[in-house]
Amino acid sequence: MTVNVAVTDTLRPRGRLSAAAPISTILLVLDTDSNRSRPSDRSATACLILCESSGRWGGSLRRVLRGRVPLRAAAGLAGLGSWLGHFPASFAIVEVTAANAEALFDRLLAAEREYPHAAVAAAGCEELAVLEGAFREAGAVGWIDSPRRIDPWVEAAVGHVVRAPRREREWQERVWEGLPWA
């Protein structure tokens, strides 16, 4: 993991008629992609998204993934929609709970229309496995019932992300990225 630190000075007014006082803002950017193949790929349209609330799936997923593709975490379905907005051809693994099952079902139906290049696998405990058929009909590519059986799904996700279409970059982006100080 790398940490990038940037310090910027800005002016903030003290009052209506008083002089502005400089303040420093520290911006920390955590980069959890340990095995990056390129520094900043703005043309990427896909990543692996893990949407969970229990923390049950993350450790197994990271152990198998080993940084081969970017991993983004979301705490809820709103976060999933946000990440898909940025990376519309992603592969998502979403934890199914009794509390979010109905909302996830609706989200899957909408995601097929909004993000046709995305793939979603549902992950849940064995008690919720009776919902597997319904989730598959709604658009899920599969059901993961245990973190111990996540390996083939991570391999499928890596293949999906690697084969995802790339966004065509504007000519200004291509020129800027070619500059030695960019």
C-alpha atoms as a PDB file:
ATOM      1  CA  MET A   1       0.000   0.000   0.000  1.00  0.00           C
ATOM      2  CA  THR A   2       1.284   3.460  -0.829  1.00  0.00           C
ATOM      3  CA  VAL A   3       0.293   6.750   0.748  1.00  0.00           C
ATOM      4  CA  ASN A   4       0.489   9.969  -1.219  1.00  0.00           C
ATOM      5  CA  VAL A   5       0.499  13.197   0.793  1.00  0.00           C
ATOM      6  CA  ALA A   6      -0.181  16.628  -0.649  1.00  0.00           C
ATOM      7  CA  VAL A   7      -0.110  19.863   1.359  1.00  0.00           C
ATOM      8  CA  THR A   8      -1.865  22.880  -0.115  1.00  0.00           C
ATOM      9  CA  ASP A   9      -2.039  26.419   1.235  1.00  0.00           C
ATOM     10  CA  THR A  10      -5.332  28.227   0.857  1.00  0.00           C
ATOM     11  CA  LEU A  11      -6.626  31.519   2.162  1.00  0.00           C
ATOM     12  CA  ARG A  12      -9.609  31.586   4.473  1.00  0.00           C
ATOM     13  CA  PRO A  13     -11.173  34.911   5.461  1.00  0.00           C
ATOM     14  CA  ARG A  14     -11.148  35.601   9.210  1.00  0.00           C
ATOM     15  CA  GLY A  15     -13.998  38.047   9.242  1.00  0.00           C
ATOM     16  CA  ARG A  16     -15.737  40.568   7.105  1.00  0.00           C
ATOM     17  CA  LEU A  17     -13.044  43.215   6.954  1.00  0.00           C
ATOM     18  CA  SER A  18      -9.966  41.450   8.307  1.00  0.00           C
ATOM     19  CA  ALA A  19      -7.108  40.043   6.267  1.00  0.00           C
ATOM     20  CA  ALA A  20      -7.205  36.470   5.047  1.00  0.00           C
ATOM     21  CA  ALA A  21      -5.242  33.911   7.054  1.00  0.00           C
ATOM     22  CA  PRO A  22      -3.381  31.090   5.334  1.00  0.00           C
ATOM     23  CA  ILE A  23      -4.345  27.582   6.326  1.00  0.00           C
ATOM     24  CA  SER A  24      -2.776  24.338   5.233  1.00  0.00           C
ATOM     25  CA  THR A  25      -4.826  21.419   4.074  1.00  0.00           C
ATOM     26  CA  ILE A  26      -3.377  17.917   4.120  1.00  0.00           C
ATOM     27  CA  LEU A  27      -4.777  15.462   1.635  1.00  0.00           C
ATOM     28  CA  LEU A  28      -4.047  11.765   2.125  1.00  0.00           C
ATOM     29  CA  VAL A  29      -4.684   9.381  -0.745  1.00  0.00           C
ATOM     30  CA  LEU A  30      -4.437   5.712   0.147  1.00  0.00           C
ATOM     31  CA  ASP A  31      -3.677   3.402  -2.725  1.00  0.00           C
ATOM     32  CA  THR A  32      -4.490  -0.206  -1.866  1.00  0.00           C
ATOM     33  CA  ASP A  33      -3.644  -1.592  -5.307  1.00  0.00           C
ATOM     34  CA  SER A  34      -0.343  -3.249  -4.439  1.00  0.00           C
ATOM     35  CA  ASN A  35       0.315  -4.702  -7.881  1.00  0.00           C
ATOM     36  CA  ARG A  36      -0.383  -1.844 -10.272  1.00  0.00           C
ATOM     37  CA  SER A  37       0.604  -2.391 -13.867  1.00  0.00           C
ATOM     38  CA  ARG A  38       0.315   1.294 -14.800  1.00  0.00           C
ATOM     39  CA  PRO A  39       0.384   4.390 -12.649  1.00  0.00           C
ATOM     40  CA  SER A  40      -2.975   5.989 -13.457  1.00  0.00           C
ATOM     41  CA  ASP A  41      -5.212   4.392 -16.019  1.00  0.00           C
ATOM     42  CA  ARG A  42      -8.072   6.787 -16.606  1.00  0.00           C
ATOM     43  CA  SER A  43      -9.313   4.681 -19.501  1.00  0.00           C
ATOM     44  CA  ALA A  44     -10.219   1.779 -17.187  1.00  0.00           C
ATOM     45  CA  THR A  45     -13.917   0.971 -17.041  1.00  0.00           C
ATOM     46  CA  ALA A  46     -13.761  -2.007 -14.688  1.00  0.00           C
ATOM     47  CA  CYS A  47     -12.593  -3.116 -11.271  1.00  0.00           C
ATOM     48  CA  LEU A  48     -13.653  -5.690  -8.704  1.00  0.00           C
ATOM     49  CA  ILE A  49     -16.227  -4.290  -6.282  1.00  0.00           C
ATOM     50  CA  LEU A  50     -16.895  -5.948  -2.939  1.00  0.00           C
ATOM     51  CA  CYS A  51     -20.140  -4.842  -1.329  1.00  0.00           C
ATOM     52  CA  GLU A  52     -20.442  -6.248   2.186  1.00  0.00           C
ATOM     53  CA  SER A  53     -21.372  -5.182   5.678  1.00  0.00           C
ATOM     54  CA  SER A  54     -20.152  -8.113   7.775  1.00  0.00           C
ATOM     55  CA  GLY A  55     -16.473  -8.279   6.814  1.00  0.00           C
ATOM     56  CA  ARG A  56     -16.888 -12.015   6.199  1.00  0.00           C
ATOM     57  CA  TRP A  57     -15.806 -12.012   2.550  1.00  0.00           C
ATOM     58  CA  GLY A  58     -13.022  -9.410   2.329  1.00  0.00           C
ATOM     59  CA  GLY A  59     -10.158 -11.432   3.832  1.00  0.00           C
ATOM     60  CA  SER A  60     -10.698 -14.460   1.610  1.00  0.00           C
ATOM     61  CA  LEU A  61     -11.151 -12.281  -1.446  1.00  0.00           C
ATOM     62  CA  ARG A  62      -7.942 -10.302  -0.866  1.00  0.00           C
ATOM     63  CA  ARG A  63      -5.961 -13.482  -0.157  1.00  0.00           C
ATOM     64  CA  VAL A  64      -6.945 -14.975  -3.519  1.00  0.00           C
ATOM     65  CA  LEU A  65      -6.889 -11.705  -5.483  1.00  0.00           C
ATOM     66  CA  ARG A  66      -3.334 -10.710  -4.483  1.00  0.00           C
ATOM     67  CA  GLY A  67      -3.665  -7.281  -6.121  1.00  0.00           C
ATOM     68  CA  ARG A  68      -4.115  -8.545  -9.701  1.00  0.00           C
ATOM     69  CA  VAL A  69      -6.946  -6.090 -10.412  1.00  0.00           C
ATOM     70  CA  PRO A  70      -8.151  -2.975  -8.579  1.00  0.00           C
ATOM     71  CA  LEU A  71     -10.461  -3.732  -5.641  1.00  0.00           C
ATOM     72  CA  ARG A  72     -13.040  -1.228  -4.443  1.00  0.00           C
ATOM     73  CA  ALA A  73     -15.141  -1.703  -1.304  1.00  0.00           C
ATOM     74  CA  ALA A  74     -18.686  -0.519  -0.730  1.00  0.00           C
ATOM     75  CA  ALA A  75     -20.590  -0.730   2.527  1.00  0.00           C
ATOM     76  CA  GLY A  76     -24.052  -0.794   0.989  1.00  0.00           C
ATOM     77  CA  LEU A  77     -26.000  -0.906  -2.243  1.00  0.00           C
ATOM     78  CA  ALA A  78     -25.696   2.880  -2.641  1.00  0.00           C
ATOM     79  CA  GLY A  79     -21.918   2.452  -2.684  1.00  0.00           C
ATOM     80  CA  LEU A  80     -22.274  -0.272  -5.303  1.00  0.00           C
ATOM     81  CA  GLY A  81     -24.212   2.102  -7.545  1.00  0.00           C
ATOM     82  CA  SER A  82     -21.603   4.796  -7.033  1.00  0.00           C
ATOM     83  CA  TRP A  83     -18.691   2.511  -7.994  1.00  0.00           C
ATOM     84  CA  LEU A  84     -20.597   1.168 -11.019  1.00  0.00           C
ATOM     85  CA  GLY A  85     -21.128   4.773 -12.094  1.00  0.00           C
ATOM     86  CA  HIS A  86     -17.338   5.223 -12.183  1.00  0.00           C
ATOM     87  CA  PHE A  87     -16.491   1.731 -13.469  1.00  0.00           C
ATOM     88  CA  PRO A  88     -19.511   0.540 -15.496  1.00  0.00           C
ATOM     89  CA  ALA A  89     -17.987  -2.755 -16.695  1.00  0.00           C
ATOM     90  CA  SER A  90     -16.996  -4.015 -13.237  1.00  0.00           C
ATOM     91  CA  PHE A  91     -17.452  -7.372 -11.556  1.00  0.00           C
ATOM     92  CA  ALA A  92     -19.180  -7.044  -8.191  1.00  0.00           C
ATOM     93  CA  ILE A  93     -19.514  -9.506  -5.345  1.00  0.00           C
ATOM     94  CA  VAL A  94     -22.436  -8.437  -3.172  1.00  0.00           C
ATOM     95  CA  GLU A  95     -23.234  -9.859   0.244  1.00  0.00           C
ATOM     96  CA  VAL A  96     -26.891 -10.875   0.572  1.00  0.00           C
ATOM     97  CA  THR A  97     -28.511 -10.506   3.977  1.00  0.00           C
ATOM     98  CA  ALA A  98     -32.120 -10.770   5.089  1.00  0.00           C
ATOM     99  CA  ALA A  99     -32.130  -6.974   5.384  1.00  0.00           C
ATOM    100  CA  ASN A 100     -30.919  -6.171   1.852  1.00  0.00           C
ATOM    101  CA  ALA A 101     -32.236  -9.116  -0.191  1.00  0.00           C
ATOM    102  CA  GLU A 102     -35.252  -7.317  -1.656  1.00  0.00           C
ATOM    103  CA  ALA A 103     -33.317  -4.123  -2.429  1.00  0.00           C
ATOM    104  CA  LEU A 104     -30.519  -6.152  -4.022  1.00  0.00           C
ATOM    105  CA  PHE A 105     -33.038  -8.009  -6.170  1.00  0.00           C
ATOM    106  CA  ASP A 106     -34.382  -4.666  -7.467  1.00  0.00           C
ATOM    107  CA  ARG A 107     -30.833  -3.346  -7.937  1.00  0.00           C
ATOM    108  CA  LEU A 108     -29.887  -6.365 -10.047  1.00  0.00           C
ATOM    109  CA  LEU A 109     -32.864  -5.828 -12.328  1.00  0.00           C
ATOM    110  CA  ALA A 110     -31.912  -2.167 -12.812  1.00  0.00           C
ATOM    111  CA  ALA A 111     -28.186  -2.894 -13.214  1.00  0.00           C
ATOM    112  CA  GLU A 112     -28.804  -5.106 -16.246  1.00  0.00           C
ATOM    113  CA  ARG A 113     -30.280  -2.088 -18.048  1.00  0.00           C
ATOM    114  CA  GLU A 114     -27.946   0.606 -16.686  1.00  0.00           C
ATOM    115  CA  TYR A 115     -24.641  -1.310 -16.794  1.00  0.00           C
ATOM    116  CA  PRO A 116     -24.869  -4.019 -19.475  1.00  0.00           C
ATOM    117  CA  HIS A 117     -21.128  -4.820 -19.251  1.00  0.00           C
ATOM    118  CA  ALA A 118     -21.166  -5.322 -15.459  1.00  0.00           C
ATOM    119  CA  ALA A 119     -21.452  -8.691 -13.724  1.00  0.00           C
ATOM    120  CA  VAL A 120     -22.727  -9.304 -10.203  1.00  0.00           C
ATOM    121  CA  ALA A 121     -22.286 -12.428  -8.076  1.00  0.00           C
ATOM    122  CA  ALA A 122     -24.392 -12.771  -4.943  1.00  0.00           C
ATOM    123  CA  ALA A 123     -22.704 -14.011  -1.769  1.00  0.00           C
ATOM    124  CA  GLY A 124     -24.652 -15.235   1.208  1.00  0.00           C
ATOM    125  CA  CYS A 125     -24.936 -17.774   3.961  1.00  0.00           C
ATOM    126  CA  GLU A 126     -26.371 -21.238   3.376  1.00  0.00           C
ATOM    127  CA  GLU A 127     -29.712 -20.233   4.947  1.00  0.00           C
ATOM    128  CA  LEU A 128     -30.247 -17.713   2.134  1.00  0.00           C
ATOM    129  CA  ALA A 129     -29.196 -20.149  -0.606  1.00  0.00           C
ATOM    130  CA  VAL A 130     -32.903 -20.758  -1.337  1.00  0.00           C
ATOM    131  CA  LEU A 131     -32.821 -17.315  -3.007  1.00  0.00           C
ATOM    132  CA  GLU A 132     -30.110 -18.345  -5.479  1.00  0.00           C
ATOM    133  CA  GLY A 133     -32.541 -19.094  -8.306  1.00  0.00           C
ATOM    134  CA  ALA A 134     -34.342 -15.780  -7.890  1.00  0.00           C
ATOM    135  CA  PHE A 135     -31.080 -13.845  -7.898  1.00  0.00           C
ATOM    136  CA  ARG A 136     -29.872 -15.677 -11.005  1.00  0.00           C
ATOM    137  CA  GLU A 137     -33.130 -14.820 -12.767  1.00  0.00           C
ATOM    138  CA  ALA A 138     -32.666 -11.183 -11.742  1.00  0.00           C
ATOM    139  CA  GLY A 139     -29.235 -11.114 -13.374  1.00  0.00           C
ATOM    140  CA  ALA A 140     -26.683 -12.436 -10.887  1.00  0.00           C
ATOM    141  CA  VAL A 141     -23.994 -14.527 -12.565  1.00  0.00           C
ATOM    142  CA  GLY A 142     -23.732 -16.851  -9.588  1.00  0.00           C
ATOM    143  CA  TRP A 143     -24.117 -17.572  -5.899  1.00  0.00           C
ATOM    144  CA  ILE A 144     -21.224 -17.861  -3.439  1.00  0.00           C
ATOM    145  CA  ASP A 145     -22.240 -19.636  -0.237  1.00  0.00           C
ATOM    146  CA  SER A 146     -18.935 -19.643   1.641  1.00  0.00           C
ATOM    147  CA  PRO A 147     -15.725 -17.580   1.752  1.00  0.00           C
ATOM    148  CA  ARG A 148     -13.869 -20.882   1.406  1.00  0.00           C
ATOM    149  CA  ARG A 149     -15.386 -21.306  -2.065  1.00  0.00           C
ATOM    150  CA  ILE A 150     -14.598 -17.818  -3.375  1.00  0.00           C
ATOM    151  CA  ASP A 151     -11.511 -18.813  -5.426  1.00  0.00           C
ATOM    152  CA  PRO A 152     -13.257 -19.620  -8.743  1.00  0.00           C
ATOM    153  CA  TRP A 153     -15.295 -16.429  -8.496  1.00  0.00           C
ATOM    154  CA  VAL A 154     -12.187 -14.312  -7.986  1.00  0.00           C
ATOM    155  CA  GLU A 155     -10.645 -15.924 -11.069  1.00  0.00           C
ATOM    156  CA  ALA A 156     -13.844 -15.174 -13.021  1.00  0.00           C
ATOM    157  CA  ALA A 157     -13.756 -11.579 -11.758  1.00  0.00           C
ATOM    158  CA  VAL A 158     -10.118 -11.104 -12.781  1.00  0.00           C
ATOM    159  CA  GLY A 159     -10.893 -12.424 -16.263  1.00  0.00           C
ATOM    160  CA  HIS A 160     -13.924 -10.140 -16.527  1.00  0.00           C
ATOM    161  CA  VAL A 161     -12.006  -7.040 -15.456  1.00  0.00           C
ATOM    162  CA  VAL A 162      -9.045  -7.764 -17.755  1.00  0.00           C
ATOM    163  CA  ARG A 163     -11.340  -8.230 -20.761  1.00  0.00           C
ATOM    164  CA  ALA A 164     -13.504  -5.169 -20.019  1.00  0.00           C
ATOM    165  CA  PRO A 165     -13.784  -2.532 -22.746  1.00  0.00           C
ATOM    166  CA  ARG A 166     -11.660   0.572 -22.262  1.00  0.00           C
ATOM    167  CA  ARG A 167     -12.856   4.151 -22.451  1.00  0.00           C
ATOM    168  CA  GLU A 168     -11.453   6.156 -25.328  1.00  0.00           C
ATOM    169  CA  ARG A 169      -9.309   8.937 -23.884  1.00  0.00           C
ATOM    170  CA  GLU A 170      -9.504  12.510 -25.114  1.00  0.00           C
ATOM    171  CA  TRP A 171      -6.477  13.769 -27.019  1.00  0.00           C
ATOM    172  CA  GLN A 172      -5.646  16.153 -24.154  1.00  0.00           C
ATOM    173  CA  GLU A 173      -5.415  13.229 -21.717  1.00  0.00           C
ATOM    174  CA  ARG A 174      -3.150  11.271 -24.057  1.00  0.00           C
ATOM    175  CA  VAL A 175      -0.810  14.264 -24.481  1.00  0.00           C
ATOM    176  CA  TRP A 176      -0.784  15.073 -20.753  1.00  0.00           C
ATOM    177  CA  GLU A 177       0.011  11.494 -19.740  1.00  0.00           C
ATOM    178  CA  GLY A 178       2.916  11.454 -22.217  1.00  0.00           C
ATOM    179  CA  LEU A 179       4.621  14.438 -20.587  1.00  0.00           C
ATOM    180  CA  PRO A 180       7.580  13.603 -18.355  1.00  0.00           C
ATOM    181  CA  TRP A 181       6.209  15.494 -15.336  1.00  0.00           C
ATOM    182  CA  ALA A 182       2.654  14.110 -15.563  1.00  0.00           C
END
